[in-house]
Amino acid sequence: QVQLVDSGGGLVQAGDSLRLSCTPSERTLSTYAMGWFRQAPGKERELVAHTTFRRALTYDPWYPDPVKRRVTIYRGDAGNSLYLQMNNLKPEDTATYYCAADPEAQTLVAGKSAYWGQGTQVTVVS
């Protein structure tokens, strides 16, 4: 059973940047789809970004329009780790952010990933 450890959250001011990290307990995720979700109090969980495997060490990123110009998702450690660079943070970005991984991209996008991190809190104050 792979465990994902999320880190990098914190309390920041609007306009600041953060980089979130997701580190797996086993280096077996290089061909998996991996992504970041977030959930704010009282709101549904939403997909922030994901990457899908294309070929060795090459991944295709995807972003929803609301965050497209402010976040970058990328892989490290030969595709086993996941990062989310967030710039120009806004108060509406406040949420708990979760890393997810699944062999199938469709399953990940549907929010039914096999593996989830424990979450890291991001709080943005104005």
Foldseek 3Di string as FASTA:
>chain_A
DKAKAKDWADEEAQQAKIKIKIAIPDQPFQQKKKFKWWDDPPGDIATAKIWHDDDFLDIDIDGDPVQVVFKDKHADPRRRMIMIIGGRDDQVVWTWMKMAIANDPVCVNVVNGPYMYPTDTHGYHD
